[in-house]
Amino acid sequence: MIIGIFGGGGFLGSSICDRLLNDGHQIKVFERPRISPYRFFNGDETVDWVTGDFSSAHDIKAFIEGVDVVIHLVSSTLPRGSNDDVIFDVQTNVISTLQLLNAMVREGVKRIIFISSGGTVYGNPIYIPLDENHPTNPTVSYGITKLAIEKYLHLFQGLYGIKATILRVANPYGERQRIETAQGAIGVFMGKVLCGEPIEIWGDGGVIRDYVYVEDVADAFSKAIDYSGPYSVFNIGSGIGKSLNEVISALESVLGIHIAVNHKPARVFDVAVSVLNNSLALKELGWTPKTNFYDGIKKTAAWMSSNLTK
């Protein structure tokens, strides 16, 4: 099977690519210009690395020619900054995705897997853990655009028979997480600590999130490729909440050092608690996270320690 992956060179994308190659698939990777392959690919791995502009209908059409499945991982914004320019958020994410869907209709590509946000689409929880039927009231534009894309996927599924699988991923962490993007508490915190810098926390550290290891996320995408059941939306998370203070304690335990923390005023858009119910993914996809939190932290620390010193 030939799988086209938009954003396949990033933190999550590279892990998904490695998993799909291990599964025996051929992959095409769509990345921004000047983004080089994240590793050397062996001769028995079929990889076509393509660069282009995700906002270009021409580039998108050319890329998806001949692919069997599209995986959409691209986002031009981050949750915390998306409210600063909501028009840009919509133009670069929603409009570009609609161009992709139109191209899929023209080229006859009938399956797409989209990464949505289990951390932002629900908003302030009415109950915990959050299942897929929980009301969706995002507090940031990032979550609103993710939700809008979900709705358009459902529309195109009904109109044109494009099978859409939406994975609402919690807070992923692990190898290849980029500390300079300021997204992902574990990666950012660990990068600061290994560079000898203090950690900054918005609020008292009591904010609770669901953290899921990157290889477990890749496993969910692998299983979603073959899914033919009636459901479209799946939560992909650990089902266990960890506060920022607990994350720091875990880092101190794994790294064997005391971590300096600077507290800043809490942000009004930060949801206090977000933990996902992943039982539907287990029932329908046969997916469940396999990596416990501390083992994931150890693996991440080992990779980051090695790569920051290169």
C-alpha atoms as a PDB file:
ATOM      1  CA  MET A   1       0.000   0.000   0.000  1.00  0.00           C
ATOM      2  CA  ILE A   2       1.266   3.501  -0.869  1.00  0.00           C
ATOM      3  CA  ILE A   3       0.661   5.981   1.939  1.00  0.00           C
ATOM      4  CA  GLY A   4       1.072   9.729   1.502  1.00  0.00           C
ATOM      5  CA  ILE A   5       1.998  11.508   4.712  1.00  0.00           C
ATOM      6  CA  PHE A   6       1.662  15.268   4.972  1.00  0.00           C
ATOM      7  CA  GLY A   7       4.095  16.347   7.686  1.00  0.00           C
ATOM      8  CA  GLY A   8       5.956  13.033   7.741  1.00  0.00           C
ATOM      9  CA  GLY A   9       9.296  14.567   8.673  1.00  0.00           C
ATOM     10  CA  GLY A  10       8.288  15.998  12.042  1.00  0.00           C
ATOM     11  CA  PHE A  11       8.245  14.634  15.566  1.00  0.00           C
ATOM     12  CA  LEU A  12       5.099  12.542  15.221  1.00  0.00           C
ATOM     13  CA  GLY A  13       5.374  12.067  11.478  1.00  0.00           C
ATOM     14  CA  SER A  14       8.816  10.492  11.575  1.00  0.00           C
ATOM     15  CA  SER A  15       7.731   7.930  14.149  1.00  0.00           C
ATOM     16  CA  ILE A  16       4.626   7.135  12.093  1.00  0.00           C
ATOM     17  CA  CYS A  17       6.753   6.775   8.942  1.00  0.00           C
ATOM     18  CA  ASP A  18       9.122   4.375  10.691  1.00  0.00           C
ATOM     19  CA  ARG A  19       6.224   2.277  11.916  1.00  0.00           C
ATOM     20  CA  LEU A  20       4.573   2.119   8.487  1.00  0.00           C
ATOM     21  CA  LEU A  21       7.844   1.173   6.813  1.00  0.00           C
ATOM     22  CA  ASN A  22       8.279  -1.560   9.391  1.00  0.00           C
ATOM     23  CA  ASP A  23       4.753  -2.709   8.500  1.00  0.00           C
ATOM     24  CA  GLY A  24       5.884  -3.097   4.885  1.00  0.00           C
ATOM     25  CA  HIS A  25       4.153  -0.083   3.331  1.00  0.00           C
ATOM     26  CA  GLN A  26       5.548   2.261   0.705  1.00  0.00           C
ATOM     27  CA  ILE A  27       5.437   5.895   1.808  1.00  0.00           C
ATOM     28  CA  LYS A  28       5.500   9.331   0.246  1.00  0.00           C
ATOM     29  CA  VAL A  29       6.426  12.187   2.573  1.00  0.00           C
ATOM     30  CA  PHE A  30       5.286  15.763   1.956  1.00  0.00           C
ATOM     31  CA  GLU A  31       7.367  18.358   3.784  1.00  0.00           C
ATOM     32  CA  ARG A  32       8.182  22.028   3.587  1.00  0.00           C
ATOM     33  CA  PRO A  33      11.048  23.153   1.339  1.00  0.00           C
ATOM     34  CA  ARG A  34      14.524  22.772   2.875  1.00  0.00           C
ATOM     35  CA  ILE A  35      13.317  20.103   5.310  1.00  0.00           C
ATOM     36  CA  SER A  36      15.695  17.168   4.864  1.00  0.00           C
ATOM     37  CA  PRO A  37      14.865  13.515   5.590  1.00  0.00           C
ATOM     38  CA  TYR A  38      15.091  12.829   9.305  1.00  0.00           C
ATOM     39  CA  ARG A  39      17.305   9.772   8.751  1.00  0.00           C
ATOM     40  CA  PHE A  40      18.942   7.621   6.101  1.00  0.00           C
ATOM     41  CA  PHE A  41      16.531   5.135   4.542  1.00  0.00           C
ATOM     42  CA  ASN A  42      17.743   1.640   3.732  1.00  0.00           C
ATOM     43  CA  GLY A  43      17.579   0.183   0.247  1.00  0.00           C
ATOM     44  CA  ASP A  44      14.675  -2.069   1.158  1.00  0.00           C
ATOM     45  CA  GLU A  45      12.594   0.903   2.366  1.00  0.00           C
ATOM     46  CA  THR A  46      10.506   2.588  -0.334  1.00  0.00           C
ATOM     47  CA  VAL A  47      10.366   6.309   0.501  1.00  0.00           C
ATOM     48  CA  ASP A  48       9.601   9.197  -1.826  1.00  0.00           C
ATOM     49  CA  TRP A  49      10.509  12.490  -0.101  1.00  0.00           C
ATOM     50  CA  VAL A  50       8.686  15.461  -1.658  1.00  0.00           C
ATOM     51  CA  THR A  51       8.848  19.129  -0.681  1.00  0.00           C
ATOM     52  CA  GLY A  52       6.164  21.664  -1.401  1.00  0.00           C
ATOM     53  CA  ASP A  53       3.660  24.181  -0.094  1.00  0.00           C
ATOM     54  CA  PHE A  54       0.637  22.753   1.727  1.00  0.00           C
ATOM     55  CA  SER A  55      -1.364  25.828   0.704  1.00  0.00           C
ATOM     56  CA  SER A  56      -0.677  25.137  -2.990  1.00  0.00           C
ATOM     57  CA  ALA A  57      -3.451  23.176  -4.710  1.00  0.00           C
ATOM     58  CA  HIS A  58      -0.968  22.271  -7.462  1.00  0.00           C
ATOM     59  CA  ASP A  59       1.585  20.817  -5.026  1.00  0.00           C
ATOM     60  CA  ILE A  60      -1.086  18.866  -3.157  1.00  0.00           C
ATOM     61  CA  LYS A  61      -2.585  17.391  -6.337  1.00  0.00           C
ATOM     62  CA  ALA A  62       0.809  16.344  -7.658  1.00  0.00           C
ATOM     63  CA  PHE A  63       1.712  14.695  -4.372  1.00  0.00           C
ATOM     64  CA  ILE A  64      -1.369  12.523  -3.909  1.00  0.00           C
ATOM     65  CA  GLU A  65      -1.324  11.055  -7.422  1.00  0.00           C
ATOM     66  CA  GLY A  66      -1.078   7.287  -7.009  1.00  0.00           C
ATOM     67  CA  VAL A  67      -1.430   7.111  -3.219  1.00  0.00           C
ATOM     68  CA  ASP A  68      -3.896   4.775  -1.540  1.00  0.00           C
ATOM     69  CA  VAL A  69      -4.191   6.497   1.840  1.00  0.00           C
ATOM     70  CA  VAL A  70      -3.531  10.071   3.008  1.00  0.00           C
ATOM     71  CA  ILE A  71      -2.286  10.828   6.516  1.00  0.00           C
ATOM     72  CA  HIS A  72      -2.741  14.505   7.434  1.00  0.00           C
ATOM     73  CA  LEU A  73      -0.468  15.714  10.232  1.00  0.00           C
ATOM     74  CA  VAL A  74       0.104  19.323   9.153  1.00  0.00           C
ATOM     75  CA  SER A  75      -0.706  22.290  11.377  1.00  0.00           C
ATOM     76  CA  SER A  76       0.683  25.786  10.895  1.00  0.00           C
ATOM     77  CA  THR A  77      -0.181  26.977  14.414  1.00  0.00           C
ATOM     78  CA  LEU A  78       0.283  25.975  18.048  1.00  0.00           C
ATOM     79  CA  PRO A  79      -2.488  26.012  20.664  1.00  0.00           C
ATOM     80  CA  ARG A  80      -1.122  28.826  22.779  1.00  0.00           C
ATOM     81  CA  GLY A  81      -0.526  31.235  19.882  1.00  0.00           C
ATOM     82  CA  SER A  82      -3.473  30.381  17.658  1.00  0.00           C
ATOM     83  CA  ASN A  83      -5.749  33.049  19.174  1.00  0.00           C
ATOM     84  CA  ASP A  84      -3.296  35.770  18.125  1.00  0.00           C
ATOM     85  CA  ASP A  85      -4.272  35.519  14.443  1.00  0.00           C
ATOM     86  CA  VAL A  86      -7.404  33.440  13.944  1.00  0.00           C
ATOM     87  CA  ILE A  87      -7.674  34.371  10.255  1.00  0.00           C
ATOM     88  CA  PHE A  88      -4.210  32.948   9.583  1.00  0.00           C
ATOM     89  CA  ASP A  89      -5.185  29.840  11.533  1.00  0.00           C
ATOM     90  CA  VAL A  90      -8.235  29.277   9.331  1.00  0.00           C
ATOM     91  CA  GLN A  91      -6.544  30.173   6.048  1.00  0.00           C
ATOM     92  CA  THR A  92      -3.523  27.934   6.502  1.00  0.00           C
ATOM     93  CA  ASN A  93      -5.230  24.961   8.129  1.00  0.00           C
ATOM     94  CA  VAL A  94      -8.916  24.768   7.172  1.00  0.00           C
ATOM     95  CA  ILE A  95      -8.652  26.178   3.637  1.00  0.00           C
ATOM     96  CA  SER A  96      -5.547  24.126   2.837  1.00  0.00           C
ATOM     97  CA  THR A  97      -7.254  20.958   4.084  1.00  0.00           C
ATOM     98  CA  LEU A  98     -10.284  21.665   1.877  1.00  0.00           C
ATOM     99  CA  GLN A  99      -7.934  21.926  -1.102  1.00  0.00           C
ATOM    100  CA  LEU A 100      -6.503  18.549  -0.101  1.00  0.00           C
ATOM    101  CA  LEU A 101      -9.973  17.011   0.115  1.00  0.00           C
ATOM    102  CA  ASN A 102     -10.950  18.430  -3.279  1.00  0.00           C
ATOM    103  CA  ALA A 103      -7.773  16.946  -4.757  1.00  0.00           C
ATOM    104  CA  MET A 104      -8.610  13.566  -3.193  1.00  0.00           C
ATOM    105  CA  VAL A 105     -12.020  13.656  -4.870  1.00  0.00           C
ATOM    106  CA  ARG A 106     -10.473  14.415  -8.258  1.00  0.00           C
ATOM    107  CA  GLU A 107      -7.744  11.783  -7.903  1.00  0.00           C
ATOM    108  CA  GLY A 108     -10.016   9.092  -6.494  1.00  0.00           C
ATOM    109  CA  VAL A 109      -8.181   8.702  -3.159  1.00  0.00           C
ATOM    110  CA  LYS A 110     -10.708   7.172  -0.792  1.00  0.00           C
ATOM    111  CA  ARG A 111      -9.105   7.117   2.665  1.00  0.00           C
ATOM    112  CA  ILE A 112      -7.694   9.803   4.982  1.00  0.00           C
ATOM    113  CA  ILE A 113      -6.446   9.691   8.566  1.00  0.00           C
ATOM    114  CA  PHE A 114      -6.364  13.059  10.306  1.00  0.00           C
ATOM    115  CA  ILE A 115      -4.637  14.002  13.533  1.00  0.00           C
ATOM    116  CA  SER A 116      -6.968  16.072  15.658  1.00  0.00           C
ATOM    117  CA  SER A 117      -6.386  17.398  19.156  1.00  0.00           C
ATOM    118  CA  GLY A 118      -7.605  15.473  22.169  1.00  0.00           C
ATOM    119  CA  GLY A 119      -6.169  18.268  24.272  1.00  0.00           C
ATOM    120  CA  THR A 120      -8.116  21.207  22.794  1.00  0.00           C
ATOM    121  CA  VAL A 121     -11.279  20.201  20.903  1.00  0.00           C
ATOM    122  CA  TYR A 122     -13.267  19.411  24.063  1.00  0.00           C
ATOM    123  CA  GLY A 123     -12.585  22.592  26.044  1.00  0.00           C
ATOM    124  CA  ASN A 124     -13.483  22.710  29.730  1.00  0.00           C
ATOM    125  CA  PRO A 125     -14.598  19.230  30.803  1.00  0.00           C
ATOM    126  CA  ILE A 126     -18.058  18.406  32.092  1.00  0.00           C
ATOM    127  CA  TYR A 127     -16.800  14.995  33.165  1.00  0.00           C
ATOM    128  CA  ILE A 128     -13.497  13.094  33.253  1.00  0.00           C
ATOM    129  CA  PRO A 129     -12.229  11.092  31.454  1.00  0.00           C
ATOM    130  CA  LEU A 130     -13.398  12.650  28.211  1.00  0.00           C
ATOM    131  CA  ASP A 131     -14.984  10.272  25.735  1.00  0.00           C
ATOM    132  CA  GLU A 132     -15.691  10.975  22.066  1.00  0.00           C
ATOM    133  CA  ASN A 133     -19.282  12.004  22.846  1.00  0.00           C
ATOM    134  CA  HIS A 134     -18.254  14.769  25.236  1.00  0.00           C
ATOM    135  CA  PRO A 135     -19.379  18.250  24.078  1.00  0.00           C
ATOM    136  CA  THR A 136     -16.793  20.112  22.017  1.00  0.00           C
ATOM    137  CA  ASN A 137     -16.280  23.719  23.088  1.00  0.00           C
ATOM    138  CA  PRO A 138     -12.662  24.664  22.370  1.00  0.00           C
ATOM    139  CA  THR A 139     -11.147  27.618  24.216  1.00  0.00           C
ATOM    140  CA  VAL A 140      -8.433  28.242  21.580  1.00  0.00           C
ATOM    141  CA  SER A 141      -8.591  28.772  17.822  1.00  0.00           C
ATOM    142  CA  TYR A 142      -6.323  25.740  17.329  1.00  0.00           C
ATOM    143  CA  GLY A 143      -9.065  23.498  18.712  1.00  0.00           C
ATOM    144  CA  ILE A 144     -11.757  25.258  16.675  1.00  0.00           C
ATOM    145  CA  THR A 145      -9.908  24.725  13.386  1.00  0.00           C
ATOM    146  CA  LYS A 146      -9.220  21.086  14.247  1.00  0.00           C
ATOM    147  CA  LEU A 147     -12.924  20.630  14.934  1.00  0.00           C
ATOM    148  CA  ALA A 148     -13.891  22.425  11.715  1.00  0.00           C
ATOM    149  CA  ILE A 149     -11.619  20.096   9.734  1.00  0.00           C
ATOM    150  CA  GLU A 150     -13.256  17.114  11.454  1.00  0.00           C
ATOM    151  CA  LYS A 151     -16.673  18.359  10.302  1.00  0.00           C
ATOM    152  CA  TYR A 152     -15.504  18.785   6.717  1.00  0.00           C
ATOM    153  CA  LEU A 153     -14.060  15.273   6.770  1.00  0.00           C
ATOM    154  CA  HIS A 154     -17.490  13.978   7.768  1.00  0.00           C
ATOM    155  CA  LEU A 155     -19.032  16.061   4.967  1.00  0.00           C
ATOM    156  CA  PHE A 156     -16.694  14.674   2.311  1.00  0.00           C
ATOM    157  CA  GLN A 157     -17.202  11.169   3.644  1.00  0.00           C
ATOM    158  CA  GLY A 158     -20.946  11.538   3.139  1.00  0.00           C
ATOM    159  CA  LEU A 159     -20.729  13.296  -0.225  1.00  0.00           C
ATOM    160  CA  TYR A 160     -17.891  11.425  -1.906  1.00  0.00           C
ATOM    161  CA  GLY A 161     -17.329   8.220   0.048  1.00  0.00           C
ATOM    162  CA  ILE A 162     -13.923   9.207   1.420  1.00  0.00           C
ATOM    163  CA  LYS A 163     -13.353   7.066   4.511  1.00  0.00           C
ATOM    164  CA  ALA A 164     -12.210   9.466   7.237  1.00  0.00           C
ATOM    165  CA  THR A 165     -10.597   8.329  10.464  1.00  0.00           C
ATOM    166  CA  ILE A 166      -9.937  11.061  13.027  1.00  0.00           C
ATOM    167  CA  LEU A 167      -7.489  10.451  15.850  1.00  0.00           C
ATOM    168  CA  ARG A 168      -7.836  12.923  18.715  1.00  0.00           C
ATOM    169  CA  VAL A 169      -4.361  12.583  20.160  1.00  0.00           C
ATOM    170  CA  ALA A 170      -3.637  13.713  23.714  1.00  0.00           C
ATOM    171  CA  ASN A 171      -0.190  15.165  24.574  1.00  0.00           C
ATOM    172  CA  PRO A 172       2.462  13.129  22.756  1.00  0.00           C
ATOM    173  CA  TYR A 173       6.067  12.956  23.908  1.00  0.00           C
ATOM    174  CA  GLY A 174       9.171  10.980  23.018  1.00  0.00           C
ATOM    175  CA  GLU A 175      12.141  10.783  20.697  1.00  0.00           C
ATOM    176  CA  ARG A 176      12.649  13.517  18.073  1.00  0.00           C
ATOM    177  CA  GLN A 177      10.445  15.995  19.943  1.00  0.00           C
ATOM    178  CA  ARG A 178      11.717  19.457  19.071  1.00  0.00           C
ATOM    179  CA  ILE A 179      12.329  21.574  22.134  1.00  0.00           C
ATOM    180  CA  GLU A 180      12.490  24.843  20.178  1.00  0.00           C
ATOM    181  CA  THR A 181       8.814  24.730  19.167  1.00  0.00           C
ATOM    182  CA  ALA A 182       7.589  25.403  22.726  1.00  0.00           C
ATOM    183  CA  GLN A 183       4.965  22.691  22.306  1.00  0.00           C
ATOM    184  CA  GLY A 184       4.862  19.620  24.502  1.00  0.00           C
ATOM    185  CA  ALA A 185       5.629  20.102  28.172  1.00  0.00           C
ATOM    186  CA  ILE A 186       7.800  17.013  28.569  1.00  0.00           C
ATOM    187  CA  GLY A 187      10.049  17.793  25.606  1.00  0.00           C
ATOM    188  CA  VAL A 188      10.331  21.480  26.461  1.00  0.00           C
ATOM    189  CA  PHE A 189      10.991  20.813  30.140  1.00  0.00           C
ATOM    190  CA  MET A 190      13.578  18.140  29.451  1.00  0.00           C
ATOM    191  CA  GLY A 191      15.358  20.310  26.902  1.00  0.00           C
ATOM    192  CA  LYS A 192      15.564  23.187  29.374  1.00  0.00           C
ATOM    193  CA  VAL A 193      16.898  20.950  32.133  1.00  0.00           C
ATOM    194  CA  LEU A 194      19.549  19.323  29.942  1.00  0.00           C
ATOM    195  CA  CYS A 195      20.683  22.775  28.830  1.00  0.00           C
ATOM    196  CA  GLY A 196      20.951  23.947  32.444  1.00  0.00           C
ATOM    197  CA  GLU A 197      18.030  26.363  32.227  1.00  0.00           C
ATOM    198  CA  PRO A 198      15.097  26.770  34.641  1.00  0.00           C
ATOM    199  CA  ILE A 199      11.594  25.610  33.701  1.00  0.00           C
ATOM    200  CA  GLU A 200       8.769  28.129  33.324  1.00  0.00           C
ATOM    201  CA  ILE A 201       5.268  27.105  34.383  1.00  0.00           C
ATOM    202  CA  TRP A 202       2.063  29.072  33.859  1.00  0.00           C
ATOM    203  CA  GLY A 203       0.219  28.819  37.177  1.00  0.00           C
ATOM    204  CA  ASP A 204       0.908  26.608  40.184  1.00  0.00           C
ATOM    205  CA  GLY A 205       1.719  23.415  38.268  1.00  0.00           C
ATOM    206  CA  GLY A 206      -1.610  21.798  39.051  1.00  0.00           C
ATOM    207  CA  VAL A 207      -2.793  21.649  35.421  1.00  0.00           C
ATOM    208  CA  ILE A 208      -3.439  17.986  34.542  1.00  0.00           C
ATOM    209  CA  ARG A 209      -2.880  16.505  31.110  1.00  0.00           C
ATOM    210  CA  ASP A 210      -2.891  13.103  29.439  1.00  0.00           C
ATOM    211  CA  TYR A 211       0.564  12.184  28.073  1.00  0.00           C
ATOM    212  CA  VAL A 212       0.984   9.443  25.460  1.00  0.00           C
ATOM    213  CA  TYR A 213       4.271   8.054  24.160  1.00  0.00           C
ATOM    214  CA  VAL A 214       5.065   8.697  20.493  1.00  0.00           C
ATOM    215  CA  GLU A 215       5.488   5.045  19.504  1.00  0.00           C
ATOM    216  CA  ASP A 216       2.039   4.318  20.903  1.00  0.00           C
ATOM    217  CA  VAL A 217       0.645   7.117  18.738  1.00  0.00           C
ATOM    218  CA  ALA A 218       2.362   5.601  15.692  1.00  0.00           C
ATOM    219  CA  ASP A 219       0.787   2.258  16.584  1.00  0.00           C
ATOM    220  CA  ALA A 220      -2.659   3.900  16.534  1.00  0.00           C
ATOM    221  CA  PHE A 221      -2.059   5.253  13.018  1.00  0.00           C
ATOM    222  CA  SER A 222      -0.871   1.843  11.875  1.00  0.00           C
ATOM    223  CA  LYS A 223      -4.079   0.239  13.109  1.00  0.00           C
ATOM    224  CA  ALA A 224      -6.279   3.037  11.707  1.00  0.00           C
ATOM    225  CA  ILE A 225      -5.069   2.355   8.150  1.00  0.00           C
ATOM    226  CA  ASP A 226      -6.899  -0.963   8.038  1.00  0.00           C
ATOM    227  CA  TYR A 227      -9.973   0.091  10.014  1.00  0.00           C
ATOM    228  CA  SER A 228     -13.264  -0.373   8.131  1.00  0.00           C
ATOM    229  CA  GLY A 229     -15.767  -0.116  10.988  1.00  0.00           C
ATOM    230  CA  PRO A 230     -18.570   2.408  11.472  1.00  0.00           C
ATOM    231  CA  TYR A 231     -16.797   4.891  13.768  1.00  0.00           C
ATOM    232  CA  SER A 232     -14.786   7.903  12.636  1.00  0.00           C
ATOM    233  CA  VAL A 233     -13.445   9.579  15.788  1.00  0.00           C
ATOM    234  CA  PHE A 234     -11.115   7.993  18.335  1.00  0.00           C
ATOM    235  CA  ASN A 235      -9.374   9.315  21.422  1.00  0.00           C
ATOM    236  CA  ILE A 236      -5.696   8.371  21.531  1.00  0.00           C
ATOM    237  CA  GLY A 237      -4.336   8.931  25.015  1.00  0.00           C
ATOM    238  CA  SER A 238      -3.014   7.106  28.054  1.00  0.00           C
ATOM    239  CA  GLY A 239      -6.236   7.537  30.049  1.00  0.00           C
ATOM    240  CA  ILE A 240      -4.115   8.699  33.015  1.00  0.00           C
ATOM    241  CA  GLY A 241      -3.731  12.318  34.104  1.00  0.00           C
ATOM    242  CA  LYS A 242      -0.443  13.810  35.264  1.00  0.00           C
ATOM    243  CA  SER A 243      -0.071  17.327  36.686  1.00  0.00           C
ATOM    244  CA  LEU A 244       2.837  19.489  35.617  1.00  0.00           C
ATOM    245  CA  ASN A 245       4.221  19.102  39.119  1.00  0.00           C
ATOM    246  CA  GLU A 246       4.108  15.321  38.696  1.00  0.00           C
ATOM    247  CA  VAL A 247       5.875  15.622  35.359  1.00  0.00           C
ATOM    248  CA  ILE A 248       8.648  17.634  36.992  1.00  0.00           C
ATOM    249  CA  SER A 249       8.968  15.082  39.799  1.00  0.00           C
ATOM    250  CA  ALA A 250       9.275  12.298  37.225  1.00  0.00           C
ATOM    251  CA  LEU A 251      11.973  14.214  35.351  1.00  0.00           C
ATOM    252  CA  GLU A 252      13.879  14.805  38.581  1.00  0.00           C
ATOM    253  CA  SER A 253      13.678  11.091  39.392  1.00  0.00           C
ATOM    254  CA  VAL A 254      14.832   9.963  35.940  1.00  0.00           C
ATOM    255  CA  LEU A 255      17.557  12.588  35.492  1.00  0.00           C
ATOM    256  CA  GLY A 256      18.698  12.505  39.114  1.00  0.00           C
ATOM    257  CA  ILE A 257      18.783  16.286  39.545  1.00  0.00           C
ATOM    258  CA  HIS A 258      16.793  19.058  41.203  1.00  0.00           C
ATOM    259  CA  ILE A 259      14.893  21.214  38.700  1.00  0.00           C
ATOM    260  CA  ALA A 260      14.556  24.973  39.149  1.00  0.00           C
ATOM    261  CA  VAL A 261      11.047  26.217  38.370  1.00  0.00           C
ATOM    262  CA  ASN A 262       9.884  29.770  37.657  1.00  0.00           C
ATOM    263  CA  HIS A 263       6.139  30.295  38.015  1.00  0.00           C
ATOM    264  CA  LYS A 264       4.274  32.771  35.806  1.00  0.00           C
ATOM    265  CA  PRO A 265       0.642  33.909  36.053  1.00  0.00           C
ATOM    266  CA  ALA A 266      -1.907  31.305  34.957  1.00  0.00           C
ATOM    267  CA  ARG A 267      -3.382  31.712  31.466  1.00  0.00           C
ATOM    268  CA  VAL A 268      -7.134  32.141  31.112  1.00  0.00           C
ATOM    269  CA  PHE A 269      -7.440  29.716  28.181  1.00  0.00           C
ATOM    270  CA  ASP A 270      -5.690  26.798  29.894  1.00  0.00           C
ATOM    271  CA  VAL A 271      -8.127  24.003  30.740  1.00  0.00           C
ATOM    272  CA  ALA A 272      -7.507  22.723  34.281  1.00  0.00           C
ATOM    273  CA  VAL A 273      -7.896  19.006  33.546  1.00  0.00           C
ATOM    274  CA  SER A 274      -7.856  17.005  30.313  1.00  0.00           C
ATOM    275  CA  VAL A 275      -7.740  13.200  30.401  1.00  0.00           C
ATOM    276  CA  LEU A 276      -9.034  11.009  27.566  1.00  0.00           C
ATOM    277  CA  ASN A 277     -11.128   7.871  27.664  1.00  0.00           C
ATOM    278  CA  ASN A 278      -9.518   5.542  25.118  1.00  0.00           C
ATOM    279  CA  SER A 279     -11.910   2.578  25.413  1.00  0.00           C
ATOM    280  CA  LEU A 280     -13.422   3.052  21.929  1.00  0.00           C
ATOM    281  CA  ALA A 281      -9.973   2.789  20.328  1.00  0.00           C
ATOM    282  CA  LEU A 282      -9.419  -0.462  22.208  1.00  0.00           C
ATOM    283  CA  LYS A 283     -12.800  -1.856  21.149  1.00  0.00           C
ATOM    284  CA  GLU A 284     -12.677  -0.819  17.478  1.00  0.00           C
ATOM    285  CA  LEU A 285      -8.991  -0.480  16.570  1.00  0.00           C
ATOM    286  CA  GLY A 286      -7.558  -2.988  19.014  1.00  0.00           C
ATOM    287  CA  TRP A 287      -5.319  -0.170  20.244  1.00  0.00           C
ATOM    288  CA  THR A 288      -4.145   0.522  23.758  1.00  0.00           C
ATOM    289  CA  PRO A 289      -1.009   2.344  24.960  1.00  0.00           C
ATOM    290  CA  LYS A 290       1.827  -0.041  25.793  1.00  0.00           C
ATOM    291  CA  THR A 291       4.422   2.341  27.267  1.00  0.00           C
ATOM    292  CA  ASN A 292       4.030   3.431  30.865  1.00  0.00           C
ATOM    293  CA  PHE A 293       4.853   7.004  31.774  1.00  0.00           C
ATOM    294  CA  TYR A 294       8.191   6.451  33.499  1.00  0.00           C
ATOM    295  CA  ASP A 295       9.520   4.123  30.812  1.00  0.00           C
ATOM    296  CA  GLY A 296       8.573   6.703  28.206  1.00  0.00           C
ATOM    297  CA  ILE A 297      10.345   9.429  30.164  1.00  0.00           C
ATOM    298  CA  LYS A 298      13.482   7.276  30.388  1.00  0.00           C
ATOM    299  CA  LYS A 299      13.497   6.602  26.641  1.00  0.00           C
ATOM    300  CA  THR A 300      12.937  10.280  25.875  1.00  0.00           C
ATOM    301  CA  ALA A 301      15.702  11.352  28.247  1.00  0.00           C
ATOM    302  CA  ALA A 302      18.169   8.878  26.730  1.00  0.00           C
ATOM    303  CA  TRP A 303      17.449  10.095  23.192  1.00  0.00           C
ATOM    304  CA  MET A 304      17.487  13.779  24.090  1.00  0.00           C
ATOM    305  CA  SER A 305      20.678  13.503  26.152  1.00  0.00           C
ATOM    306  CA  SER A 306      22.430  11.852  23.231  1.00  0.00           C
ATOM    307  CA  ASN A 307      21.203  14.285  20.595  1.00  0.00           C
ATOM    308  CA  LEU A 308      21.677  17.518  22.539  1.00  0.00           C
ATOM    309  CA  THR A 309      25.348  16.696  23.013  1.00  0.00           C
ATOM    310  CA  LYS A 310      26.038  16.108  19.297  1.00  0.00           C
END
